[in-house]
Protein backbone atom coordinates (compact mmCIF):
# COMPACT_ATOMS: atom_id res chain seq x y z
CA MET A 1 -24.71 8.80 38.72
CA GLN A 2 -21.18 9.15 37.38
CA SER A 3 -20.06 8.29 33.86
CA LYS A 4 -17.48 5.49 34.15
CA LYS A 5 -15.77 5.17 30.79
CA LYS A 6 -13.06 2.84 29.68
CA ILE A 7 -10.29 4.10 27.42
CA HIS A 8 -11.34 4.12 23.78
CA PHE A 9 -9.53 5.67 20.85
CA GLU A 10 -11.69 7.29 18.20
CA VAL A 11 -10.83 6.65 14.54
CA SER A 12 -9.13 10.04 14.17
CA GLU A 13 -7.27 9.59 17.47
CA ARG A 14 -5.93 6.19 16.40
CA LYS A 15 -4.65 7.64 13.13
CA ILE A 16 -2.88 10.47 14.97
CA LEU A 17 -1.49 7.97 17.48
CA LEU A 18 -0.06 5.82 14.69
CA ARG A 19 1.61 8.77 12.97
CA VAL A 20 3.13 10.24 16.14
CA PHE A 21 4.53 6.96 17.45
CA ASP A 22 5.80 5.87 14.03
CA VAL A 23 8.08 8.91 14.07
CA LEU A 24 8.99 8.65 17.77
CA PHE A 25 9.91 4.96 17.54
CA VAL A 26 12.05 5.54 14.43
CA VAL A 27 13.92 8.49 15.96
CA PHE A 28 14.49 6.56 19.21
CA ALA A 29 15.71 3.50 17.28
CA LEU A 30 18.19 5.61 15.29
CA TYR A 31 19.46 7.15 18.52
CA ILE A 32 19.99 3.71 20.08
CA VAL A 33 21.76 2.42 16.96
CA GLY A 34 24.02 5.48 17.04
CA GLU A 35 24.94 4.79 20.66
CA VAL A 36 25.50 1.03 20.33
CA PHE A 37 27.03 0.69 16.85
CA ASN A 38 29.49 2.67 14.78
CA PHE A 39 26.64 4.56 13.11
CA ASP A 40 27.20 8.25 12.43
CA TYR A 41 25.14 8.86 9.29
CA PHE A 42 22.13 10.17 11.23
CA ASN A 43 23.19 12.17 14.30
CA ILE A 44 20.48 14.00 16.23
CA THR A 45 21.91 17.33 17.39
CA PRO A 46 20.48 20.88 17.79
CA SER A 47 22.43 22.00 14.73
CA ASN A 48 20.81 19.47 12.38
CA PHE A 49 17.34 19.11 13.90
CA TYR A 50 15.83 19.62 10.43
CA TRP A 51 17.19 16.17 9.46
CA THR A 52 14.82 14.66 12.01
CA ILE A 53 11.87 16.83 10.94
CA LEU A 54 12.33 15.88 7.28
CA LEU A 55 12.60 12.18 8.15
CA GLY A 56 9.34 12.42 10.12
CA ILE A 57 7.61 14.11 7.17
CA TYR A 58 8.86 11.41 4.80
CA ILE A 59 7.66 8.60 7.07
CA ILE A 60 4.17 10.10 7.49
CA PHE A 61 3.73 11.09 3.84
CA ILE A 62 5.10 7.86 2.33
CA GLY A 63 3.37 5.78 5.01
CA THR A 64 0.06 7.39 4.03
CA ILE A 65 0.62 6.45 0.39
CA PHE A 66 1.34 2.84 1.35
CA GLU A 67 -1.72 2.72 3.68
CA MET A 68 0.12 2.56 7.00
CA TYR A 69 -2.71 4.62 8.51
CA ASN A 70 -5.60 2.64 7.09
CA LEU A 71 -7.00 1.16 10.32
CA GLN A 72 -8.17 -2.07 8.67
CA ILE A 73 -4.67 -2.66 7.30
CA ALA A 74 -3.04 -1.52 10.55
CA SER A 75 -4.95 -4.30 12.35
CA ASN A 76 -3.97 -6.98 9.80
CA GLN A 77 -0.56 -8.55 10.50
CA PHE A 78 0.29 -9.59 6.94
CA GLN A 79 -0.88 -6.39 5.26
CA ILE A 80 0.88 -4.09 7.71
CA ILE A 81 4.20 -5.90 7.24
CA ARG A 82 3.88 -5.35 3.50
CA SER A 83 3.16 -1.65 4.10
CA ILE A 84 6.11 -1.36 6.51
CA VAL A 85 8.51 -2.87 3.96
CA LEU A 86 7.31 -0.57 1.17
CA THR A 87 7.35 2.49 3.44
CA THR A 88 10.82 1.73 4.79
CA VAL A 89 12.38 1.10 1.37
CA THR A 90 10.83 4.22 -0.18
CA THR A 91 11.64 6.42 2.83
CA VAL A 92 15.28 5.33 2.92
CA LEU A 93 15.70 5.88 -0.83
CA ALA A 94 14.01 9.29 -0.73
CA TYR A 95 16.05 10.35 2.30
CA LEU A 96 19.37 9.22 0.87
CA LEU A 97 18.71 10.93 -2.45
CA THR A 98 17.46 14.25 -1.11
CA PRO A 99 20.25 16.81 -1.53
CA TYR A 100 20.97 19.72 0.82
CA PHE A 101 18.34 18.79 3.42
CA THR A 102 19.72 15.40 4.52
CA PRO A 103 23.18 14.13 5.50
CA ALA A 104 25.72 13.46 2.78
CA LEU A 105 25.82 9.89 1.50
CA PRO A 106 28.01 7.74 3.77
CA ASN A 107 31.24 6.27 2.41
CA ASN A 108 30.65 3.03 4.30
CA ARG A 109 27.62 1.17 2.88
CA ILE A 110 27.03 -0.61 6.19
CA GLN A 111 25.71 2.76 7.43
CA ILE A 112 22.84 2.53 4.94
CA LEU A 113 22.04 -0.97 6.17
CA TYR A 114 21.95 0.27 9.79
CA PHE A 115 19.68 3.11 8.71
CA PHE A 116 17.28 0.77 6.91
CA LEU A 117 17.13 -1.86 9.67
CA ALA A 118 16.61 0.75 12.40
CA ILE A 119 13.59 2.23 10.60
CA PHE A 120 12.15 -1.16 9.65
CA PHE A 121 12.37 -2.77 13.10
CA ALA A 122 11.20 0.40 14.86
CA LEU A 123 8.02 0.45 12.77
CA LEU A 124 7.57 -3.33 13.05
CA ILE A 125 7.91 -3.46 16.86
CA TRP A 126 5.60 -0.49 17.38
CA ARG A 127 2.93 -1.85 15.03
CA ILE A 128 3.03 -5.30 16.67
CA PHE A 129 2.51 -3.58 20.02
CA TYR A 130 -0.39 -1.59 18.53
CA GLN A 131 -2.08 -4.71 17.14
CA LYS A 132 -1.70 -6.68 20.35
CA PHE A 133 -2.79 -4.01 22.80
CA LEU A 134 -4.24 -0.79 21.35
CA ALA A 135 -6.32 -2.44 18.60
CA SER A 136 -7.67 -5.12 20.92
CA GLN A 137 -11.17 -5.52 22.31
CA ARG A 138 -10.11 -4.05 25.65
CA PHE A 139 -10.46 -0.64 23.99
CA GLN A 140 -13.96 -1.41 22.76
CA LYS A 141 -16.44 1.45 22.79
CA LYS A 142 -19.70 0.29 24.38
CA VAL A 143 -22.79 2.07 23.15
CA ILE A 144 -26.52 2.10 23.87
CA LEU A 145 -28.78 2.68 20.85
CA ILE A 146 -32.26 4.24 21.04
CA CYS A 147 -34.29 3.52 17.91
CA GLU A 148 -37.50 2.11 16.52
CA ASN A 149 -37.86 -1.65 16.33
CA GLN A 150 -37.82 -1.94 12.51
CA GLN A 151 -34.45 -0.17 12.19
CA ALA A 152 -32.54 -1.79 15.06
CA ASP A 153 -30.87 -4.77 13.36
CA GLU A 154 -29.86 -2.77 10.29
CA LEU A 155 -28.33 0.04 12.35
CA ILE A 156 -26.49 -2.33 14.69
CA ALA A 157 -24.97 -4.27 11.77
CA GLY A 158 -24.09 -1.05 9.95
CA LEU A 159 -22.15 0.45 12.86
CA LYS A 160 -20.40 -2.84 13.62
CA SER A 161 -19.18 -3.18 10.03
CA ILE A 162 -17.74 0.35 10.10
CA ASP A 163 -15.70 -0.01 13.28
CA PRO A 164 -15.43 -3.42 15.01
CA HIS A 165 -14.50 -1.62 18.25
CA TYR A 166 -17.72 0.39 18.19
CA SER A 167 -20.09 -2.05 19.87
CA ILE A 168 -23.84 -1.66 20.39
CA ILE A 169 -24.44 -3.65 23.58
CA ALA A 170 -28.05 -2.64 24.21
CA VAL A 171 -31.01 -0.99 22.50
CA VAL A 172 -33.74 0.95 24.24
CA ASN A 173 -37.37 0.74 23.26
CA PRO A 174 -38.45 4.40 23.04
CA ASN A 175 -42.09 3.40 23.41
CA ASP A 176 -42.77 0.72 26.00
CA ALA A 177 -46.32 0.36 24.70
CA LYS A 178 -45.01 -1.30 21.51
CA GLU A 179 -43.55 -4.80 21.26
CA TYR A 180 -39.79 -4.73 20.60
CA LYS A 181 -37.83 -7.68 19.19
CA ILE A 182 -34.52 -7.83 17.34
CA ALA A 183 -32.76 -10.68 15.57
CA ASN A 184 -29.33 -9.90 17.08
CA LYS A 185 -29.37 -11.94 20.30
CA THR A 186 -26.03 -10.56 21.55
CA VAL A 187 -27.63 -7.14 22.03
CA LYS A 188 -29.80 -6.63 25.08
CA VAL A 189 -33.23 -4.99 24.73
CA LEU A 190 -33.88 -2.54 27.57
CA LYS A 191 -37.01 -0.91 28.83
CA LEU A 192 -36.65 2.77 29.58
CA GLU A 193 -37.27 2.19 33.27
CA ASN A 194 -34.25 -0.16 33.44
CA LEU A 195 -31.81 2.13 31.62
CA ARG A 196 -30.19 3.71 34.69
CA LYS A 197 -29.80 0.38 36.44
CA PHE A 198 -28.09 -1.11 33.37
CA ILE A 199 -25.70 1.85 33.04
CA ARG A 200 -24.65 1.49 36.69
CA LYS A 201 -23.51 -2.07 35.95
CA VAL A 202 -21.88 -1.53 32.55
CA SER A 203 -19.28 1.02 31.49
CA ILE A 204 -20.96 3.00 28.70
CA SER A 205 -19.11 5.33 26.32
CA GLU A 206 -22.09 7.05 24.71
CA ILE A 207 -25.77 6.89 23.86
CA VAL A 208 -26.91 7.16 20.23
CA ILE A 209 -30.41 8.28 19.21
CA ALA A 210 -31.61 6.99 15.84
CA THR A 211 -35.24 7.98 15.65
CA GLN A 212 -36.67 10.45 13.13
CA ASN A 213 -40.17 10.22 14.49
CA THR A 214 -40.45 12.98 17.08
CA ASP A 215 -43.53 11.28 18.52
CA GLU A 216 -41.25 8.49 19.73
CA ILE A 217 -39.32 10.94 21.94
CA THR A 218 -41.76 10.85 24.85
CA VAL A 219 -41.57 13.13 27.86
CA SER A 220 -40.21 10.30 30.01
CA LEU A 221 -37.52 9.49 27.42
CA TYR A 222 -36.60 13.17 27.11
CA ASN A 223 -36.25 13.52 30.88
CA GLU A 224 -34.15 10.38 31.07
CA LEU A 225 -31.79 11.63 28.37
CA LEU A 226 -31.53 15.02 30.05
CA PHE A 227 -30.62 13.31 33.34
CA LEU A 228 -27.89 11.26 31.64
CA LEU A 229 -26.54 14.32 29.84
CA GLU A 230 -26.31 16.22 33.12
CA ASN A 231 -24.35 13.30 34.57
CA GLY A 232 -21.64 13.46 31.93
CA PHE A 233 -22.80 10.91 29.37
CA VAL A 234 -22.26 11.66 25.69
CA ILE A 235 -25.49 11.64 23.67
CA ARG A 236 -25.20 11.75 19.86
CA GLU A 237 -27.53 11.56 16.89
CA TYR A 238 -27.13 8.55 14.60
CA THR A 239 -26.46 10.45 11.39
CA GLN A 240 -23.61 12.33 13.11
CA VAL A 241 -22.08 9.06 14.32
CA TYR A 242 -22.45 7.45 10.89
CA GLU A 243 -20.89 10.42 9.10
CA SER A 244 -17.91 10.66 11.46
CA LEU A 245 -17.18 6.93 11.33
CA THR A 246 -17.73 6.29 7.62
CA GLN A 247 -16.88 9.73 6.20
CA ARG A 248 -19.97 9.59 4.04
CA ILE A 249 -23.47 11.08 4.30
CA PRO A 250 -26.21 8.62 5.41
CA VAL A 251 -28.81 9.70 2.86
CA GLN A 252 -30.84 6.55 3.44
CA PHE A 253 -31.56 7.57 7.06
CA VAL A 254 -32.52 11.20 6.64
CA SER A 255 -35.82 12.58 5.51
CA ARG A 256 -36.55 14.26 2.21
CA ASP A 257 -36.02 17.58 3.96
CA PHE A 258 -32.37 16.88 3.29
CA TYR A 259 -30.91 20.37 3.02
CA LYS A 260 -31.51 21.03 6.71
CA TYR A 261 -28.79 18.46 7.38
CA PHE A 262 -26.51 19.37 4.51
CA PRO A 263 -24.73 22.74 4.66
CA PHE A 264 -22.35 23.00 1.72
CA SER A 265 -18.67 23.58 2.42
CA ARG A 266 -17.67 27.25 2.34
CA SER A 267 -14.85 26.24 0.00
CA ASN A 268 -17.44 25.77 -2.75
CA GLN A 269 -17.92 29.59 -2.79
CA ASN A 270 -14.46 30.69 -1.64
CA LYS A 271 -12.99 32.59 -4.61
CA LEU A 272 -9.37 32.24 -3.43
CA TYR A 273 -9.81 28.48 -2.99
CA LEU A 274 -11.52 28.14 -6.38
CA LEU A 275 -8.87 30.25 -8.16
CA SER A 276 -5.94 28.36 -6.59
CA THR A 277 -7.68 25.07 -7.38
CA ARG A 278 -8.12 26.05 -11.02
CA ILE A 279 -4.46 27.07 -11.33
CA PHE A 280 -3.49 23.74 -9.76
CA GLU A 281 -5.76 21.90 -12.23
CA ILE A 282 -4.17 23.60 -15.23
CA ILE A 283 -0.68 22.71 -14.00
CA ILE A 284 -1.69 19.10 -13.34
CA ALA A 285 -3.43 18.88 -16.72
CA LEU A 286 -0.33 20.13 -18.56
CA LEU A 287 1.90 17.72 -16.63
CA GLY A 288 -0.53 14.86 -17.29
CA LEU A 289 -0.67 15.57 -21.00
CA SER A 290 3.14 15.76 -21.11
CA VAL A 291 3.41 12.34 -19.48
CA GLY A 292 0.69 11.10 -21.84
CA ILE A 293 2.77 12.15 -24.84
CA VAL A 294 5.78 10.24 -23.47
CA ILE A 295 3.85 6.99 -22.90
CA PHE A 296 1.76 7.37 -26.06
CA PRO A 297 4.02 5.12 -28.22
CA LEU A 298 3.74 2.28 -25.66
CA ILE A 299 -0.04 2.59 -25.52
CA PHE A 300 -0.18 2.79 -29.31
CA ILE A 301 1.72 -0.53 -29.59
CA GLY A 302 -0.38 -2.11 -26.84
CA ASN A 303 -3.60 -1.00 -28.52
CA LEU A 304 -2.37 -2.28 -31.88
CA CYS A 305 -1.66 -5.73 -30.43
CA GLY A 306 -4.24 -6.05 -27.63
CA ASN A 307 -7.22 -3.93 -28.69
CA ARG A 308 -7.03 -3.89 -32.50
CA GLY A 309 -9.14 -0.88 -33.25
CA LYS A 310 -9.51 2.79 -32.45
CA MET A 311 -7.24 4.03 -29.68
CA PHE A 312 -9.47 6.81 -28.35
CA TYR A 313 -13.02 6.57 -27.11
CA THR A 314 -15.50 9.41 -26.46
CA GLN A 315 -18.63 9.26 -24.39
CA ILE A 316 -21.28 11.75 -23.24
CA ARG A 317 -21.20 12.44 -19.49
CA VAL A 318 -23.09 14.81 -17.17
CA GLY A 319 -21.04 17.68 -15.79
CA LYS A 320 -21.55 20.65 -13.49
CA ASN A 321 -25.14 21.94 -13.25
CA GLY A 322 -26.28 18.97 -15.36
CA LYS A 323 -24.49 20.20 -18.51
CA GLU A 324 -23.43 17.35 -20.80
CA PHE A 325 -19.93 17.08 -22.30
CA SER A 326 -17.78 14.57 -24.18
CA ILE A 327 -15.24 12.69 -22.09
CA PHE A 328 -12.06 11.28 -23.66
CA LYS A 329 -10.50 7.93 -22.77
CA PHE A 330 -8.20 5.32 -24.21
CA ARG A 331 -10.43 2.50 -25.46
CA THR A 332 -10.51 -0.53 -23.15
CA MET A 333 -13.49 -2.50 -24.51
CA VAL A 334 -14.15 -4.55 -27.62
CA LYS A 335 -15.87 -3.00 -30.63
CA ASN A 336 -19.65 -2.55 -30.31
CA ALA A 337 -19.46 -3.29 -26.58
CA GLU A 338 -22.86 -1.71 -26.00
CA SER A 339 -24.75 -2.94 -29.02
CA GLN A 340 -27.49 -4.15 -26.66
CA GLY A 341 -27.68 -0.82 -24.81
CA ALA A 342 -25.81 0.90 -21.97
CA VAL A 343 -24.99 -1.25 -18.92
CA PHE A 344 -22.70 -0.83 -15.93
CA ALA A 345 -19.19 -2.21 -16.31
CA THR A 346 -18.70 -5.12 -13.91
CA THR A 347 -15.79 -6.98 -12.33
CA ASN A 348 -14.21 -9.34 -14.90
CA ASP A 349 -16.39 -7.76 -17.60
CA ALA A 350 -16.05 -9.89 -20.73
CA ARG A 351 -16.23 -6.75 -22.91
CA ILE A 352 -12.89 -5.47 -21.57
CA THR A 353 -9.87 -6.45 -23.68
CA PRO A 354 -6.69 -7.91 -22.09
CA PHE A 355 -4.80 -4.67 -22.75
CA GLY A 356 -7.85 -2.74 -21.59
CA LYS A 357 -7.65 -4.49 -18.21
CA PHE A 358 -4.07 -3.29 -17.83
CA LEU A 359 -5.07 0.27 -18.76
CA ARG A 360 -7.90 0.25 -16.22
CA LYS A 361 -5.87 -1.27 -13.39
CA THR A 362 -3.13 1.33 -13.83
CA ARG A 363 -5.61 4.15 -14.56
CA LEU A 364 -3.72 4.89 -17.78
CA ASP A 365 -7.01 4.86 -19.68
CA GLU A 366 -7.90 8.12 -17.89
CA PHE A 367 -4.92 10.12 -19.27
CA PRO A 368 -6.87 11.74 -22.16
CA GLN A 369 -9.16 13.29 -19.52
CA PHE A 370 -6.40 15.76 -18.68
CA TYR A 371 -7.60 17.46 -21.87
CA ASN A 372 -11.10 17.68 -20.34
CA ILE A 373 -9.55 19.25 -17.25
CA LEU A 374 -7.63 21.77 -19.35
CA LYS A 375 -10.85 22.69 -21.19
CA GLY A 376 -12.66 23.19 -17.88
CA ASP A 377 -15.23 20.42 -18.33
CA MET A 378 -13.71 18.49 -15.44
CA ALA A 379 -11.68 19.07 -12.28
CA VAL A 380 -8.85 16.99 -10.87
CA ILE A 381 -10.94 16.18 -7.78
CA GLY A 382 -14.70 15.80 -7.69
CA PRO A 383 -17.51 13.26 -8.19
CA ARG A 384 -16.85 11.03 -11.19
CA PRO A 385 -18.98 12.03 -14.20
CA GLU A 386 -21.78 9.60 -15.00
CA ARG A 387 -23.62 8.91 -18.25
CA PRO A 388 -27.01 10.62 -18.77
CA VAL A 389 -28.89 7.32 -19.05
CA PHE A 390 -27.56 6.17 -15.67
CA VAL A 391 -28.07 9.60 -14.08
CA ASN A 392 -31.76 9.54 -15.00
CA LYS A 393 -32.18 5.96 -13.81
CA ILE A 394 -30.40 6.52 -10.49
CA ALA A 395 -32.10 9.86 -9.82
CA GLU A 396 -35.49 8.11 -9.93
CA VAL A 397 -34.63 6.08 -6.83
CA MET A 398 -32.19 8.52 -5.14
CA PRO A 399 -33.74 11.95 -4.59
CA PHE A 400 -30.38 13.55 -3.74
CA TYR A 401 -28.37 12.21 -6.67
CA GLN A 402 -28.50 15.43 -8.69
CA THR A 403 -26.81 17.24 -5.76
CA ARG A 404 -23.44 15.88 -6.89
CA HIS A 405 -23.71 18.07 -10.00
CA VAL A 406 -23.17 21.28 -8.00
CA LEU A 407 -19.43 20.68 -8.59
CA LYS A 408 -17.40 19.87 -11.67
CA PRO A 409 -16.88 16.12 -12.05
CA GLY A 410 -13.36 14.97 -11.24
CA LEU A 411 -10.65 12.70 -12.54
CA THR A 412 -10.50 11.24 -9.04
CA GLY A 413 -12.69 11.74 -5.99
CA TRP A 414 -13.56 10.78 -2.43
CA ALA A 415 -15.81 7.94 -3.64
CA GLN A 416 -13.14 6.56 -6.00
CA VAL A 417 -10.45 6.28 -3.32
CA ASN A 418 -12.77 4.80 -0.69
CA TYR A 419 -14.97 2.42 -2.66
CA SER A 420 -14.51 -0.03 -5.49
CA TYR A 421 -16.01 0.42 -8.93
CA GLY A 422 -19.82 0.44 -8.75
CA ASP A 423 -21.79 -1.87 -11.04
CA SER A 424 -25.27 -1.51 -9.55
CA ILE A 425 -27.75 0.99 -8.13
CA ASP A 426 -26.80 -0.05 -4.59
CA ASP A 427 -23.14 0.68 -5.32
CA SER A 428 -24.13 4.06 -6.74
CA LEU A 429 -25.93 4.85 -3.47
CA ILE A 430 -22.76 4.23 -1.46
CA LYS A 431 -20.66 6.27 -3.87
CA LEU A 432 -23.25 9.06 -3.69
CA GLN A 433 -22.79 9.14 0.09
CA TYR A 434 -19.06 9.67 -0.36
CA ASP A 435 -19.61 12.34 -3.03
CA LEU A 436 -21.99 14.26 -0.78
CA TYR A 437 -19.50 14.03 2.08
CA TYR A 438 -16.88 15.63 -0.18
CA ILE A 439 -19.25 18.42 -1.20
CA LYS A 440 -20.08 19.04 2.46
CA HIS A 441 -16.48 18.95 3.75
CA ARG A 442 -14.53 20.11 0.71
CA SER A 443 -11.20 21.65 1.73
CA VAL A 444 -7.51 21.78 0.86
CA PHE A 445 -6.78 19.05 3.41
CA LEU A 446 -9.46 16.73 2.06
CA ASP A 447 -8.18 17.36 -1.49
CA LEU A 448 -4.64 16.46 -0.38
CA ASN A 449 -5.97 13.30 1.30
CA ILE A 450 -7.69 12.27 -1.94
CA LEU A 451 -4.53 12.84 -3.99
CA ILE A 452 -2.47 10.68 -1.62
CA LYS A 453 -5.10 7.93 -1.64
CA THR A 454 -5.19 8.11 -5.44
CA LEU A 455 -1.45 7.38 -5.51
CA SER A 456 -2.12 4.32 -3.32
CA THR A 457 -4.86 3.18 -5.72
CA ILE A 458 -2.46 3.43 -8.68
CA LEU A 459 0.48 1.80 -6.90
CA PHE A 460 -1.61 -1.16 -5.71
CA PHE A 461 -3.39 -1.57 -9.10
CA ARG A 462 -6.87 -1.07 -7.71
CA GLY A 463 -8.32 0.51 -10.82
CA GLN A 464 -11.38 -1.10 -12.41
């Protein structure tokens, strides 16, 4: 039996594809414009190749900030046009105003218009092509799932919501002696004896095993999987698939023996990484406090008119190793907002003042926390610090929640840039998954990714 696979781009492959062809299409468009029109601002020659390299870096970096490589946005026609416009405008401005490394400003302003239009239409044409062909169902990844009956519908729905091109087309009953029914009628239920016959008819990309009960892996199932593996089929474990697709740890599907599945990132003990990170945090904290001093008069006036009360607000939070500390913020809620006890802040929370909403949306309310970073209570990047009352409540239902306290809490984090503000225990579970993913995969590159995504959050007013 041979593995017959259709072309399918993984999430990481699609992001690389978008970045590479964004640059290639722009460079090709500028070359064509230079040949057809009287355009000599951007000439591609061996002597000025660094112009092209810098332009490519600008497109990728600025495009990342404006979410050009968010696959959900890349597949949405309206949202990607917005991102293309913002990326093109910012890239052109940055390129024109970068001294020494880019061409001198042209005397003829029509050259700037050519430059802008070439970049804009190159990105637009390529992204329309991507949406029509490469993001279509023809590149769907067809998967067979092996799992117990009670988990099937939940796992199928979960994987589908993560990546619409990752399609479970059949599930296998690991134990033919048990009755097997699922609510999803579009997914075929297979008996083990019919698995090979089904695979011969359908092009399968991989087989996913989602059973924690070793008794369910019978000898016949084991032999069948071994046969498929020997014939070139990819066989993966569900938690690995979930983690790679969602970039969060599926704590709800692993046993209490969690640390077998959770090796901490070496960066957590790397002294050079920790030292360089601390130096970076001090620099960022000093810069943040400097900016805070500049905008302080505006916030003072806004607080005087919109909040009418104390400007600063302190609150006890849980830090590294469970140690409590006082966090500083600009006040965004009415006086005595928690007179009835501590509760999660919610969307459109009536306790938040009009000026407080602006501070939260722009993340300006977080500026005093640069002082916490300077003191060493917090880091720039890490799990957001939670209040002791909520930590105790959440830890009762989430056995791994305290794991997030192995790091300093952060001003921003992987959960903050990937998920909206949590106002329930269920939301806290999802954010915990992201926090644990960061602890597991912590690195310079992941930190840089978080910083870029944080800029996007601020620019698009996604604060809560």
